[in-house]
Amino acid sequence: MAMDAVIITFTKKGYELGRFIRDSLDGYESRLVFRDAVIQDVCKAAFEKAVPLIFIGAAGIAVRTVAPFIKDKLSDPPVIVIDELGRFVIPILSGHMGGANELAAKLSECMAASYSAVPVITTATDINGAFSVDLFAKENSLSIMNRDGIARVSSSALEGRPVTVSVEGFPPQRKVDVLVSESMPEGWLRDAASIVLCPKKYALGMGCRRGLSFEELRDFAEKVMREKDVSLRDVGCIATIDIKRAEAGLRALSQAWRVPLITFEAELLAKAPGEFSHSEFVMAKTGVDNVCERAAVLAAGPGSELIVRKRAENGMTAAIAAVESGLR
């Protein structure tokens, strides 16, 4: 699935480099914005949807522009600065959780032949080849329950001490750096583990008519999630039918929530185990009688169960399946 990105330029030379990046960067559908646009509005929208921002120009301009919108390292979008000569690609925000460091490397690779670009990575764990707990959580679809633990684990890793991980329940037999647990244990004490990571518990199945906006889909999904007090940090994916994989609103929601958009063919959806609501209209349009419930169950995996059955509103449908409990 291609991701959206915004390239902001301020000079003619920067604009030419921006066009090159837009046309060369695989996996991204990039929008090129020149200085005449209302840059503040562009950045505000990018932060709301976790869309990467690529500034071509001075780092100071980028910092001052995005400063009013910065909230949290776990939710801010990646922000990258490139000089207009294309020599240096510098991630300045959200290097790990937003993927700015990875994107900087990808940008440098696609620019290398024509611009001799090199990535300038400043994240301590990356440049020292040390364990990064936030990157570990991201790569393994784990929620970070106490964000202050990131610094403690990183400090330990940078000092060359082994990073210990426990998945044996709580409390561990001895103090560990990282505890992987079904939930934040009651009475959790800092001296038992530095950070607690929890597996994602739910899959959100969705269907929609063509052309619905990100805001409409987000508001509806959040309404359905509130019904069972499902937290966004516990949602592991958005699932739907394959004919909706290019739907702009669903793609934007997936990117904003930093969860994968998983799609299934109608034939596979029809084989999902369980009892589901039936719609002749949906069958005629998609080739399967129900999208959201079946997609949620398939995405949640064997042993999953629907905790919210099909909800429908204004051309949107949603259902939530719970992943089978127990660390695997």
C-alpha atoms as a PDB file:
ATOM      1  CA  MET A   1       0.000   0.000   0.000  1.00  0.00           C
ATOM      2  CA  ALA A   2       1.434   3.353  -1.035  1.00  0.00           C
ATOM      3  CA  MET A   3       1.748   5.995   1.663  1.00  0.00           C
ATOM      4  CA  ASP A   4       1.093   9.700   1.310  1.00  0.00           C
ATOM      5  CA  ALA A   5       3.852  12.265   1.805  1.00  0.00           C
ATOM      6  CA  VAL A   6       4.172  16.024   1.441  1.00  0.00           C
ATOM      7  CA  ILE A   7       7.248  17.713  -0.048  1.00  0.00           C
ATOM      8  CA  ILE A   8       7.590  21.410   0.813  1.00  0.00           C
ATOM      9  CA  THR A   9       9.959  23.613  -1.195  1.00  0.00           C
ATOM     10  CA  PHE A  10      10.872  27.298  -1.111  1.00  0.00           C
ATOM     11  CA  THR A  11      13.189  27.934  -4.082  1.00  0.00           C
ATOM     12  CA  LYS A  12      13.330  27.062  -7.762  1.00  0.00           C
ATOM     13  CA  LYS A  13      16.266  24.716  -7.181  1.00  0.00           C
ATOM     14  CA  GLY A  14      14.439  23.098  -4.276  1.00  0.00           C
ATOM     15  CA  TYR A  15      11.342  22.686  -6.424  1.00  0.00           C
ATOM     16  CA  GLU A  16      13.321  20.798  -9.062  1.00  0.00           C
ATOM     17  CA  LEU A  17      14.697  18.474  -6.397  1.00  0.00           C
ATOM     18  CA  GLY A  18      11.181  18.041  -5.028  1.00  0.00           C
ATOM     19  CA  ARG A  19       9.917  16.999  -8.439  1.00  0.00           C
ATOM     20  CA  PHE A  20      12.727  14.474  -8.725  1.00  0.00           C
ATOM     21  CA  ILE A  21      11.843  12.975  -5.327  1.00  0.00           C
ATOM     22  CA  ARG A  22       8.136  12.905  -6.120  1.00  0.00           C
ATOM     23  CA  ASP A  23       8.786  11.006  -9.334  1.00  0.00           C
ATOM     24  CA  SER A  24      11.471   8.677  -7.933  1.00  0.00           C
ATOM     25  CA  LEU A  25      10.412   7.661  -4.416  1.00  0.00           C
ATOM     26  CA  ASP A  26       8.780   4.246  -4.579  1.00  0.00           C
ATOM     27  CA  GLY A  27       5.977   3.403  -2.163  1.00  0.00           C
ATOM     28  CA  TYR A  28       4.863   6.995  -1.644  1.00  0.00           C
ATOM     29  CA  GLU A  29       2.315   9.188  -3.372  1.00  0.00           C
ATOM     30  CA  SER A  30       3.940  12.558  -2.809  1.00  0.00           C
ATOM     31  CA  ARG A  31       2.290  15.950  -3.047  1.00  0.00           C
ATOM     32  CA  LEU A  32       4.629  18.804  -3.961  1.00  0.00           C
ATOM     33  CA  VAL A  33       3.946  22.151  -2.261  1.00  0.00           C
ATOM     34  CA  PHE A  34       5.714  25.371  -3.293  1.00  0.00           C
ATOM     35  CA  ARG A  35       6.209  28.476  -1.141  1.00  0.00           C
ATOM     36  CA  ASP A  36       3.016  30.168  -2.342  1.00  0.00           C
ATOM     37  CA  ALA A  37       0.869  27.643  -0.471  1.00  0.00           C
ATOM     38  CA  VAL A  38      -0.270  28.207   3.107  1.00  0.00           C
ATOM     39  CA  ILE A  39       2.464  26.061   4.628  1.00  0.00           C
ATOM     40  CA  GLN A  40       1.055  26.160   8.161  1.00  0.00           C
ATOM     41  CA  ASP A  41      -2.241  24.654   6.994  1.00  0.00           C
ATOM     42  CA  VAL A  42      -0.406  21.968   5.032  1.00  0.00           C
ATOM     43  CA  CYS A  43       1.653  21.003   8.092  1.00  0.00           C
ATOM     44  CA  LYS A  44      -1.359  20.984  10.411  1.00  0.00           C
ATOM     45  CA  ALA A  45      -3.165  18.552   8.099  1.00  0.00           C
ATOM     46  CA  ALA A  46      -0.050  16.377   7.827  1.00  0.00           C
ATOM     47  CA  PHE A  47       0.212  16.098  11.612  1.00  0.00           C
ATOM     48  CA  GLU A  48      -3.469  15.156  11.896  1.00  0.00           C
ATOM     49  CA  LYS A  49      -3.004  12.309   9.415  1.00  0.00           C
ATOM     50  CA  ALA A  50       0.587  11.290  10.326  1.00  0.00           C
ATOM     51  CA  VAL A  51       1.740  12.128   6.805  1.00  0.00           C
ATOM     52  CA  PRO A  52       5.531  12.458   6.363  1.00  0.00           C
ATOM     53  CA  LEU A  53       6.775  16.000   5.775  1.00  0.00           C
ATOM     54  CA  ILE A  54       9.858  16.475   3.607  1.00  0.00           C
ATOM     55  CA  PHE A  55      11.247  20.012   3.710  1.00  0.00           C
ATOM     56  CA  ILE A  56      13.742  21.078   1.075  1.00  0.00           C
ATOM     57  CA  GLY A  57      15.546  24.055   2.564  1.00  0.00           C
ATOM     58  CA  ALA A  58      16.949  25.251   5.874  1.00  0.00           C
ATOM     59  CA  ALA A  59      16.397  23.134   8.982  1.00  0.00           C
ATOM     60  CA  GLY A  60      15.457  26.246  10.946  1.00  0.00           C
ATOM     61  CA  ILE A  61      12.502  26.927   8.660  1.00  0.00           C
ATOM     62  CA  ALA A  62      11.246  23.370   9.124  1.00  0.00           C
ATOM     63  CA  VAL A  63      11.594  23.534  12.915  1.00  0.00           C
ATOM     64  CA  ARG A  64       9.735  26.828  13.206  1.00  0.00           C
ATOM     65  CA  THR A  65       7.004  25.637  10.847  1.00  0.00           C
ATOM     66  CA  VAL A  66       6.190  22.368  12.607  1.00  0.00           C
ATOM     67  CA  ALA A  67       6.801  23.530  16.193  1.00  0.00           C
ATOM     68  CA  PRO A  68       3.153  24.503  16.922  1.00  0.00           C
ATOM     69  CA  PHE A  69       1.931  21.019  15.984  1.00  0.00           C
ATOM     70  CA  ILE A  70       4.396  18.769  17.831  1.00  0.00           C
ATOM     71  CA  LYS A  71       2.638  16.612  20.445  1.00  0.00           C
ATOM     72  CA  ASP A  72       4.283  13.298  21.211  1.00  0.00           C
ATOM     73  CA  LYS A  73       7.137  11.176  19.860  1.00  0.00           C
ATOM     74  CA  LEU A  74       4.780   8.189  19.650  1.00  0.00           C
ATOM     75  CA  SER A  75       2.271   9.956  17.386  1.00  0.00           C
ATOM     76  CA  ASP A  76       4.038  12.791  15.528  1.00  0.00           C
ATOM     77  CA  PRO A  77       4.677  12.216  11.809  1.00  0.00           C
ATOM     78  CA  PRO A  78       8.176  11.894  10.405  1.00  0.00           C
ATOM     79  CA  VAL A  79       9.762  15.217   9.470  1.00  0.00           C
ATOM     80  CA  ILE A  80      12.818  15.288   7.198  1.00  0.00           C
ATOM     81  CA  VAL A  81      14.968  18.167   5.971  1.00  0.00           C
ATOM     82  CA  ILE A  82      16.999  18.060   2.742  1.00  0.00           C
ATOM     83  CA  ASP A  83      19.280  20.850   1.567  1.00  0.00           C
ATOM     84  CA  GLU A  84      18.398  22.155  -1.879  1.00  0.00           C
ATOM     85  CA  LEU A  85      21.594  20.724  -3.374  1.00  0.00           C
ATOM     86  CA  GLY A  86      20.467  17.246  -2.336  1.00  0.00           C
ATOM     87  CA  ARG A  87      23.563  16.430  -0.293  1.00  0.00           C
ATOM     88  CA  PHE A  88      22.136  15.709   3.156  1.00  0.00           C
ATOM     89  CA  VAL A  89      18.898  13.998   4.218  1.00  0.00           C
ATOM     90  CA  ILE A  90      18.238  14.745   7.892  1.00  0.00           C
ATOM     91  CA  PRO A  91      15.382  13.239   9.937  1.00  0.00           C
ATOM     92  CA  ILE A  92      14.506  15.743  12.675  1.00  0.00           C
ATOM     93  CA  LEU A  93      11.327  14.267  14.165  1.00  0.00           C
ATOM     94  CA  SER A  94       9.886  10.791  14.815  1.00  0.00           C
ATOM     95  CA  GLY A  95      12.892   8.787  13.720  1.00  0.00           C
ATOM     96  CA  HIS A  96      11.657   5.443  15.053  1.00  0.00           C
ATOM     97  CA  MET A  97       7.877   5.329  15.595  1.00  0.00           C
ATOM     98  CA  GLY A  98       7.161   7.543  12.589  1.00  0.00           C
ATOM     99  CA  GLY A  99       9.841   5.914  10.460  1.00  0.00           C
ATOM    100  CA  ALA A 100      11.796   9.089   9.662  1.00  0.00           C
ATOM    101  CA  ASN A 101      15.170   7.342   9.876  1.00  0.00           C
ATOM    102  CA  GLU A 102      14.017   4.590   7.536  1.00  0.00           C
ATOM    103  CA  LEU A 103      12.512   7.114   5.127  1.00  0.00           C
ATOM    104  CA  ALA A 104      15.728   9.170   5.176  1.00  0.00           C
ATOM    105  CA  ALA A 105      17.693   6.110   4.128  1.00  0.00           C
ATOM    106  CA  LYS A 106      15.194   5.400   1.363  1.00  0.00           C
ATOM    107  CA  LEU A 107      15.316   9.006   0.137  1.00  0.00           C
ATOM    108  CA  SER A 108      19.110   8.965   0.106  1.00  0.00           C
ATOM    109  CA  GLU A 109      19.112   5.760  -1.892  1.00  0.00           C
ATOM    110  CA  CYS A 110      16.769   7.082  -4.563  1.00  0.00           C
ATOM    111  CA  MET A 111      18.709  10.375  -4.770  1.00  0.00           C
ATOM    112  CA  ALA A 112      22.239   8.963  -4.537  1.00  0.00           C
ATOM    113  CA  ALA A 113      23.035   8.611  -8.240  1.00  0.00           C
ATOM    114  CA  SER A 114      21.855  12.078  -9.213  1.00  0.00           C
ATOM    115  CA  TYR A 115      22.533  14.098  -6.057  1.00  0.00           C
ATOM    116  CA  SER A 116      25.137  12.146  -4.008  1.00  0.00           C
ATOM    117  CA  ALA A 117      22.772  12.309  -1.036  1.00  0.00           C
ATOM    118  CA  VAL A 118      23.668  10.769   2.322  1.00  0.00           C
ATOM    119  CA  PRO A 119      21.370  10.234   5.336  1.00  0.00           C
ATOM    120  CA  VAL A 120      22.348  12.098   8.504  1.00  0.00           C
ATOM    121  CA  ILE A 121      21.073   9.955  11.372  1.00  0.00           C
ATOM    122  CA  THR A 122      21.475  11.348  14.897  1.00  0.00           C
ATOM    123  CA  THR A 123      19.427   8.859  16.944  1.00  0.00           C
ATOM    124  CA  ALA A 124      21.834   7.475  19.549  1.00  0.00           C
ATOM    125  CA  THR A 125      20.679   3.840  19.454  1.00  0.00           C
ATOM    126  CA  ASP A 126      20.912   3.780  15.648  1.00  0.00           C
ATOM    127  CA  ILE A 127      24.383   5.220  15.296  1.00  0.00           C
ATOM    128  CA  ASN A 128      25.713   3.002  18.096  1.00  0.00           C
ATOM    129  CA  GLY A 129      23.998  -0.144  16.846  1.00  0.00           C
ATOM    130  CA  ALA A 130      22.177  -0.500  20.182  1.00  0.00           C
ATOM    131  CA  PHE A 131      18.823  -2.077  20.965  1.00  0.00           C
ATOM    132  CA  SER A 132      15.871   0.309  20.456  1.00  0.00           C
ATOM    133  CA  VAL A 133      12.815  -0.650  22.492  1.00  0.00           C
ATOM    134  CA  ASP A 134      10.399   1.660  20.661  1.00  0.00           C
ATOM    135  CA  LEU A 135      11.501   0.232  17.304  1.00  0.00           C
ATOM    136  CA  PHE A 136      11.175  -3.279  18.776  1.00  0.00           C
ATOM    137  CA  ALA A 137       7.617  -2.455  19.850  1.00  0.00           C
ATOM    138  CA  LYS A 138       6.734  -1.049  16.432  1.00  0.00           C
ATOM    139  CA  GLU A 139       8.153  -4.005  14.495  1.00  0.00           C
ATOM    140  CA  ASN A 140       6.320  -6.511  16.711  1.00  0.00           C
ATOM    141  CA  SER A 141       2.964  -4.673  16.879  1.00  0.00           C
ATOM    142  CA  LEU A 142       3.237  -4.028  20.616  1.00  0.00           C
ATOM    143  CA  SER A 143       1.756  -1.083  22.493  1.00  0.00           C
ATOM    144  CA  ILE A 144       4.056   0.944  24.738  1.00  0.00           C
ATOM    145  CA  MET A 145       2.257   1.222  28.067  1.00  0.00           C
ATOM    146  CA  ASN A 146       4.673   3.562  29.871  1.00  0.00           C
ATOM    147  CA  ARG A 147       6.518   5.770  27.443  1.00  0.00           C
ATOM    148  CA  ASP A 148       8.948   7.035  30.100  1.00  0.00           C
ATOM    149  CA  GLY A 149      10.513   3.579  30.044  1.00  0.00           C
ATOM    150  CA  ILE A 150      11.910   4.154  26.541  1.00  0.00           C
ATOM    151  CA  ALA A 151      14.663   6.422  27.834  1.00  0.00           C
ATOM    152  CA  ARG A 152      15.591   4.024  30.649  1.00  0.00           C
ATOM    153  CA  VAL A 153      15.934   1.020  28.352  1.00  0.00           C
ATOM    154  CA  SER A 154      17.805   3.050  25.732  1.00  0.00           C
ATOM    155  CA  SER A 155      20.240   4.344  28.347  1.00  0.00           C
ATOM    156  CA  SER A 156      20.938   0.815  29.522  1.00  0.00           C
ATOM    157  CA  ALA A 157      21.534  -0.378  25.962  1.00  0.00           C
ATOM    158  CA  LEU A 158      23.828   2.562  25.174  1.00  0.00           C
ATOM    159  CA  GLU A 159      25.905   1.802  28.254  1.00  0.00           C
ATOM    160  CA  GLY A 160      26.521  -1.673  26.864  1.00  0.00           C
ATOM    161  CA  ARG A 161      24.435  -3.591  29.381  1.00  0.00           C
ATOM    162  CA  PRO A 162      22.372  -6.561  28.130  1.00  0.00           C
ATOM    163  CA  VAL A 163      18.680  -5.756  27.642  1.00  0.00           C
ATOM    164  CA  THR A 164      16.524  -8.373  29.373  1.00  0.00           C
ATOM    165  CA  VAL A 165      13.025  -9.293  28.197  1.00  0.00           C
ATOM    166  CA  SER A 166      10.359 -11.305  30.023  1.00  0.00           C
ATOM    167  CA  VAL A 167       7.164 -12.809  28.593  1.00  0.00           C
ATOM    168  CA  GLU A 168       6.513 -15.153  31.503  1.00  0.00           C
ATOM    169  CA  GLY A 169       3.782 -13.224  33.248  1.00  0.00           C
ATOM    170  CA  PHE A 170       4.008 -10.744  36.075  1.00  0.00           C
ATOM    171  CA  PRO A 171       5.943 -10.242  38.237  1.00  0.00           C
ATOM    172  CA  PRO A 172       9.087 -11.695  36.653  1.00  0.00           C
ATOM    173  CA  GLN A 173      11.421 -13.611  38.935  1.00  0.00           C
ATOM    174  CA  ARG A 174      13.913 -10.764  38.766  1.00  0.00           C
ATOM    175  CA  LYS A 175      13.969  -7.249  37.475  1.00  0.00           C
ATOM    176  CA  VAL A 176      13.871  -7.006  33.661  1.00  0.00           C
ATOM    177  CA  ASP A 177      14.215  -4.165  31.224  1.00  0.00           C
ATOM    178  CA  VAL A 178      11.244  -5.121  29.032  1.00  0.00           C
ATOM    179  CA  LEU A 179       8.105  -6.950  30.123  1.00  0.00           C
ATOM    180  CA  VAL A 180       5.721  -8.224  27.444  1.00  0.00           C
ATOM    181  CA  SER A 181       2.343  -8.646  29.122  1.00  0.00           C
ATOM    182  CA  GLU A 182      -1.320  -9.052  28.134  1.00  0.00           C
ATOM    183  CA  SER A 183      -2.084  -5.812  29.979  1.00  0.00           C
ATOM    184  CA  MET A 184      -0.531  -3.309  32.327  1.00  0.00           C
ATOM    185  CA  PRO A 185      -0.394  -5.325  35.553  1.00  0.00           C
ATOM    186  CA  GLU A 186      -2.155  -3.882  38.584  1.00  0.00           C
ATOM    187  CA  GLY A 187       0.268  -2.490  41.107  1.00  0.00           C
ATOM    188  CA  TRP A 188       3.010  -2.342  38.480  1.00  0.00           C
ATOM    189  CA  LEU A 189       6.233  -1.133  40.070  1.00  0.00           C
ATOM    190  CA  ARG A 190       9.100   0.593  38.350  1.00  0.00           C
ATOM    191  CA  ASP A 191      11.614  -1.632  40.109  1.00  0.00           C
ATOM    192  CA  ALA A 192      10.138  -4.757  38.456  1.00  0.00           C
ATOM    193  CA  ALA A 193      10.547  -3.694  34.806  1.00  0.00           C
ATOM    194  CA  SER A 194      11.581  -0.554  32.997  1.00  0.00           C
ATOM    195  CA  ILE A 195       8.904  -0.736  30.327  1.00  0.00           C
ATOM    196  CA  VAL A 196       5.747  -2.766  29.671  1.00  0.00           C
ATOM    197  CA  LEU A 197       4.733  -3.729  26.132  1.00  0.00           C
ATOM    198  CA  CYS A 198       1.338  -5.240  25.302  1.00  0.00           C
ATOM    199  CA  PRO A 199       0.261  -7.158  22.192  1.00  0.00           C
ATOM    200  CA  LYS A 200      -2.473  -5.512  20.124  1.00  0.00           C
ATOM    201  CA  LYS A 201      -5.831  -7.042  21.068  1.00  0.00           C
ATOM    202  CA  TYR A 202      -8.255  -6.151  18.285  1.00  0.00           C
ATOM    203  CA  ALA A 203      -8.791  -6.087  14.539  1.00  0.00           C
ATOM    204  CA  LEU A 204     -11.128  -3.442  13.125  1.00  0.00           C
ATOM    205  CA  GLY A 205     -13.071  -4.586  10.075  1.00  0.00           C
ATOM    206  CA  MET A 206     -14.470  -1.857   7.811  1.00  0.00           C
ATOM    207  CA  GLY A 207     -16.413  -1.429   4.626  1.00  0.00           C
ATOM    208  CA  CYS A 208     -17.440   1.792   2.909  1.00  0.00           C
ATOM    209  CA  ARG A 209     -18.868   3.292  -0.210  1.00  0.00           C
ATOM    210  CA  ARG A 210     -16.481   4.990  -2.561  1.00  0.00           C
ATOM    211  CA  GLY A 211     -15.183   8.479  -1.839  1.00  0.00           C
ATOM    212  CA  LEU A 212     -15.791   8.811   1.891  1.00  0.00           C
ATOM    213  CA  SER A 213     -13.334  11.108   3.636  1.00  0.00           C
ATOM    214  CA  PHE A 214     -10.740  10.292   6.235  1.00  0.00           C
ATOM    215  CA  GLU A 215     -12.658  12.375   8.788  1.00  0.00           C
ATOM    216  CA  GLU A 216     -15.944  10.538   8.181  1.00  0.00           C
ATOM    217  CA  LEU A 217     -14.310   7.128   8.505  1.00  0.00           C
ATOM    218  CA  ARG A 218     -12.267   8.131  11.553  1.00  0.00           C
ATOM    219  CA  ASP A 219     -15.259   9.553  13.428  1.00  0.00           C
ATOM    220  CA  PHE A 220     -17.387   6.500  12.671  1.00  0.00           C
ATOM    221  CA  ALA A 221     -14.644   4.048  13.642  1.00  0.00           C
ATOM    222  CA  GLU A 222     -14.002   5.873  16.917  1.00  0.00           C
ATOM    223  CA  LYS A 223     -17.736   5.810  17.682  1.00  0.00           C
ATOM    224  CA  VAL A 224     -17.844   2.037  17.167  1.00  0.00           C
ATOM    225  CA  MET A 225     -14.714   1.565  19.282  1.00  0.00           C
ATOM    226  CA  ARG A 226     -16.190   3.569  22.156  1.00  0.00           C
ATOM    227  CA  GLU A 227     -19.091   1.114  22.277  1.00  0.00           C
ATOM    228  CA  LYS A 228     -16.797  -1.488  23.856  1.00  0.00           C
ATOM    229  CA  ASP A 229     -14.239   0.946  25.282  1.00  0.00           C
ATOM    230  CA  VAL A 230     -11.628  -0.192  22.749  1.00  0.00           C
ATOM    231  CA  SER A 231      -8.512   1.968  22.851  1.00  0.00           C
ATOM    232  CA  LEU A 232      -6.786   2.911  19.610  1.00  0.00           C
ATOM    233  CA  ARG A 233      -3.466   1.680  20.963  1.00  0.00           C
ATOM    234  CA  ASP A 234      -4.973  -1.821  21.209  1.00  0.00           C
ATOM    235  CA  VAL A 235      -6.059  -1.912  17.535  1.00  0.00           C
ATOM    236  CA  GLY A 236      -3.581  -3.912  15.471  1.00  0.00           C
ATOM    237  CA  CYS A 237      -4.994  -3.375  11.976  1.00  0.00           C
ATOM    238  CA  ILE A 238      -7.833  -2.212   9.777  1.00  0.00           C
ATOM    239  CA  ALA A 239      -9.208  -5.013   7.588  1.00  0.00           C
ATOM    240  CA  THR A 240     -11.404  -4.845   4.498  1.00  0.00           C
ATOM    241  CA  ILE A 241     -11.981  -6.388   1.069  1.00  0.00           C
ATOM    242  CA  ASP A 242      -9.297  -6.161  -1.609  1.00  0.00           C
ATOM    243  CA  ILE A 243     -11.351  -3.940  -3.912  1.00  0.00           C
ATOM    244  CA  LYS A 244     -11.067  -1.231  -1.252  1.00  0.00           C
ATOM    245  CA  ARG A 245      -7.274  -1.307  -0.896  1.00  0.00           C
ATOM    246  CA  ALA A 246      -6.915   1.936  -2.870  1.00  0.00           C
ATOM    247  CA  GLU A 247      -9.758   3.751  -1.098  1.00  0.00           C
ATOM    248  CA  ALA A 248      -8.214   7.096  -0.114  1.00  0.00           C
ATOM    249  CA  GLY A 249     -10.130   7.465   3.153  1.00  0.00           C
ATOM    250  CA  LEU A 250      -9.179   4.009   4.399  1.00  0.00           C
ATOM    251  CA  ARG A 251      -5.563   4.490   3.356  1.00  0.00           C
ATOM    252  CA  ALA A 252      -5.448   7.802   5.218  1.00  0.00           C
ATOM    253  CA  LEU A 253      -6.988   6.243   8.329  1.00  0.00           C
ATOM    254  CA  SER A 254      -4.463   3.407   8.250  1.00  0.00           C
ATOM    255  CA  GLN A 255      -1.589   5.868   7.934  1.00  0.00           C
ATOM    256  CA  ALA A 256      -2.905   8.228  10.629  1.00  0.00           C
ATOM    257  CA  TRP A 257      -3.347   5.385  13.119  1.00  0.00           C
ATOM    258  CA  ARG A 258      -0.060   3.721  12.105  1.00  0.00           C
ATOM    259  CA  VAL A 259      -1.681   0.338  11.626  1.00  0.00           C
ATOM    260  CA  PRO A 260      -1.620  -1.805   8.481  1.00  0.00           C
ATOM    261  CA  LEU A 261      -4.558  -1.891   6.097  1.00  0.00           C
ATOM    262  CA  ILE A 262      -5.098  -5.615   5.489  1.00  0.00           C
ATOM    263  CA  THR A 263      -7.251  -6.712   2.556  1.00  0.00           C
ATOM    264  CA  PHE A 264      -8.825 -10.047   1.631  1.00  0.00           C
ATOM    265  CA  GLU A 265     -10.302 -11.352  -1.586  1.00  0.00           C
ATOM    266  CA  ALA A 266     -14.042 -12.030  -1.570  1.00  0.00           C
ATOM    267  CA  GLU A 267     -13.447 -15.762  -1.955  1.00  0.00           C
ATOM    268  CA  LEU A 268     -11.347 -15.840   1.213  1.00  0.00           C
ATOM    269  CA  LEU A 269     -13.791 -13.659   3.148  1.00  0.00           C
ATOM    270  CA  ALA A 270     -16.566 -16.105   2.288  1.00  0.00           C
ATOM    271  CA  LYS A 271     -14.601 -18.872   4.026  1.00  0.00           C
ATOM    272  CA  ALA A 272     -14.203 -17.007   7.324  1.00  0.00           C
ATOM    273  CA  PRO A 273     -15.357 -19.211  10.228  1.00  0.00           C
ATOM    274  CA  GLY A 274     -18.424 -18.136  12.192  1.00  0.00           C
ATOM    275  CA  GLU A 275     -21.895 -16.705  11.729  1.00  0.00           C
ATOM    276  CA  PHE A 276     -22.197 -13.296  10.136  1.00  0.00           C
ATOM    277  CA  SER A 277     -24.915 -10.862   9.157  1.00  0.00           C
ATOM    278  CA  HIS A 278     -26.045 -11.158   5.536  1.00  0.00           C
ATOM    279  CA  SER A 279     -26.645  -8.396   2.997  1.00  0.00           C
ATOM    280  CA  GLU A 280     -27.832  -9.033  -0.538  1.00  0.00           C
ATOM    281  CA  PHE A 281     -26.729  -5.517  -1.474  1.00  0.00           C
ATOM    282  CA  VAL A 282     -23.177  -6.155  -0.270  1.00  0.00           C
ATOM    283  CA  MET A 283     -23.192  -9.537  -2.017  1.00  0.00           C
ATOM    284  CA  ALA A 284     -24.137  -7.906  -5.303  1.00  0.00           C
ATOM    285  CA  LYS A 285     -21.470  -5.219  -4.961  1.00  0.00           C
ATOM    286  CA  THR A 286     -18.555  -7.251  -3.603  1.00  0.00           C
ATOM    287  CA  GLY A 287     -19.238 -10.943  -4.163  1.00  0.00           C
ATOM    288  CA  VAL A 288     -19.518 -11.697  -0.427  1.00  0.00           C
ATOM    289  CA  ASP A 289     -22.450 -11.121   1.914  1.00  0.00           C
ATOM    290  CA  ASN A 290     -20.509  -9.253   4.616  1.00  0.00           C
ATOM    291  CA  VAL A 291     -17.178  -7.435   4.592  1.00  0.00           C
ATOM    292  CA  CYS A 292     -16.522  -5.859   7.995  1.00  0.00           C
ATOM    293  CA  GLU A 293     -17.299  -8.842  10.253  1.00  0.00           C
ATOM    294  CA  ARG A 294     -15.572 -11.408   8.076  1.00  0.00           C
ATOM    295  CA  ALA A 295     -12.511  -9.210   7.529  1.00  0.00           C
ATOM    296  CA  ALA A 296     -12.179  -8.509  11.259  1.00  0.00           C
ATOM    297  CA  VAL A 297     -12.284 -12.214  12.144  1.00  0.00           C
ATOM    298  CA  LEU A 298      -9.763 -13.204   9.477  1.00  0.00           C
ATOM    299  CA  ALA A 299      -7.383 -10.411  10.471  1.00  0.00           C
ATOM    300  CA  ALA A 300      -7.628 -11.267  14.185  1.00  0.00           C
ATOM    301  CA  GLY A 301      -6.669 -14.862  13.423  1.00  0.00           C
ATOM    302  CA  PRO A 302      -7.683 -18.334  14.670  1.00  0.00           C
ATOM    303  CA  GLY A 303      -9.708 -18.376  17.860  1.00  0.00           C
ATOM    304  CA  SER A 304     -10.820 -14.757  17.529  1.00  0.00           C
ATOM    305  CA  GLU A 305     -14.352 -13.619  18.288  1.00  0.00           C
ATOM    306  CA  LEU A 306     -16.495 -10.666  17.335  1.00  0.00           C
ATOM    307  CA  ILE A 307     -17.011  -8.293  20.236  1.00  0.00           C
ATOM    308  CA  VAL A 308     -18.806  -5.696  18.097  1.00  0.00           C
ATOM    309  CA  ARG A 309     -20.950  -6.979  15.267  1.00  0.00           C
ATOM    310  CA  LYS A 310     -21.709  -5.029  12.135  1.00  0.00           C
ATOM    311  CA  ARG A 311     -22.546  -1.388  12.682  1.00  0.00           C
ATOM    312  CA  ALA A 312     -23.684   0.654   9.691  1.00  0.00           C
ATOM    313  CA  GLU A 313     -23.963   4.391   9.180  1.00  0.00           C
ATOM    314  CA  ASN A 314     -23.986   6.656   6.119  1.00  0.00           C
ATOM    315  CA  GLY A 315     -22.384   4.166   3.751  1.00  0.00           C
ATOM    316  CA  MET A 316     -19.886   2.845   6.313  1.00  0.00           C
ATOM    317  CA  THR A 317     -19.765  -0.451   8.180  1.00  0.00           C
ATOM    318  CA  ALA A 318     -17.517  -1.584  11.011  1.00  0.00           C
ATOM    319  CA  ALA A 319     -17.008  -4.570  13.303  1.00  0.00           C
ATOM    320  CA  ILE A 320     -14.382  -5.464  15.898  1.00  0.00           C
ATOM    321  CA  ALA A 321     -12.843  -8.884  16.566  1.00  0.00           C
ATOM    322  CA  ALA A 322     -10.780  -9.742  19.624  1.00  0.00           C
ATOM    323  CA  VAL A 323      -7.576 -11.700  19.161  1.00  0.00           C
ATOM    324  CA  GLU A 324      -7.452 -14.979  21.074  1.00  0.00           C
ATOM    325  CA  SER A 325      -5.978 -14.256  24.506  1.00  0.00           C
ATOM    326  CA  GLY A 326      -2.628 -15.641  25.530  1.00  0.00           C
ATOM    327  CA  LEU A 327       0.848 -14.616  24.393  1.00  0.00           C
ATOM    328  CA  ARG A 328       1.990 -16.622  21.391  1.00  0.00           C
END
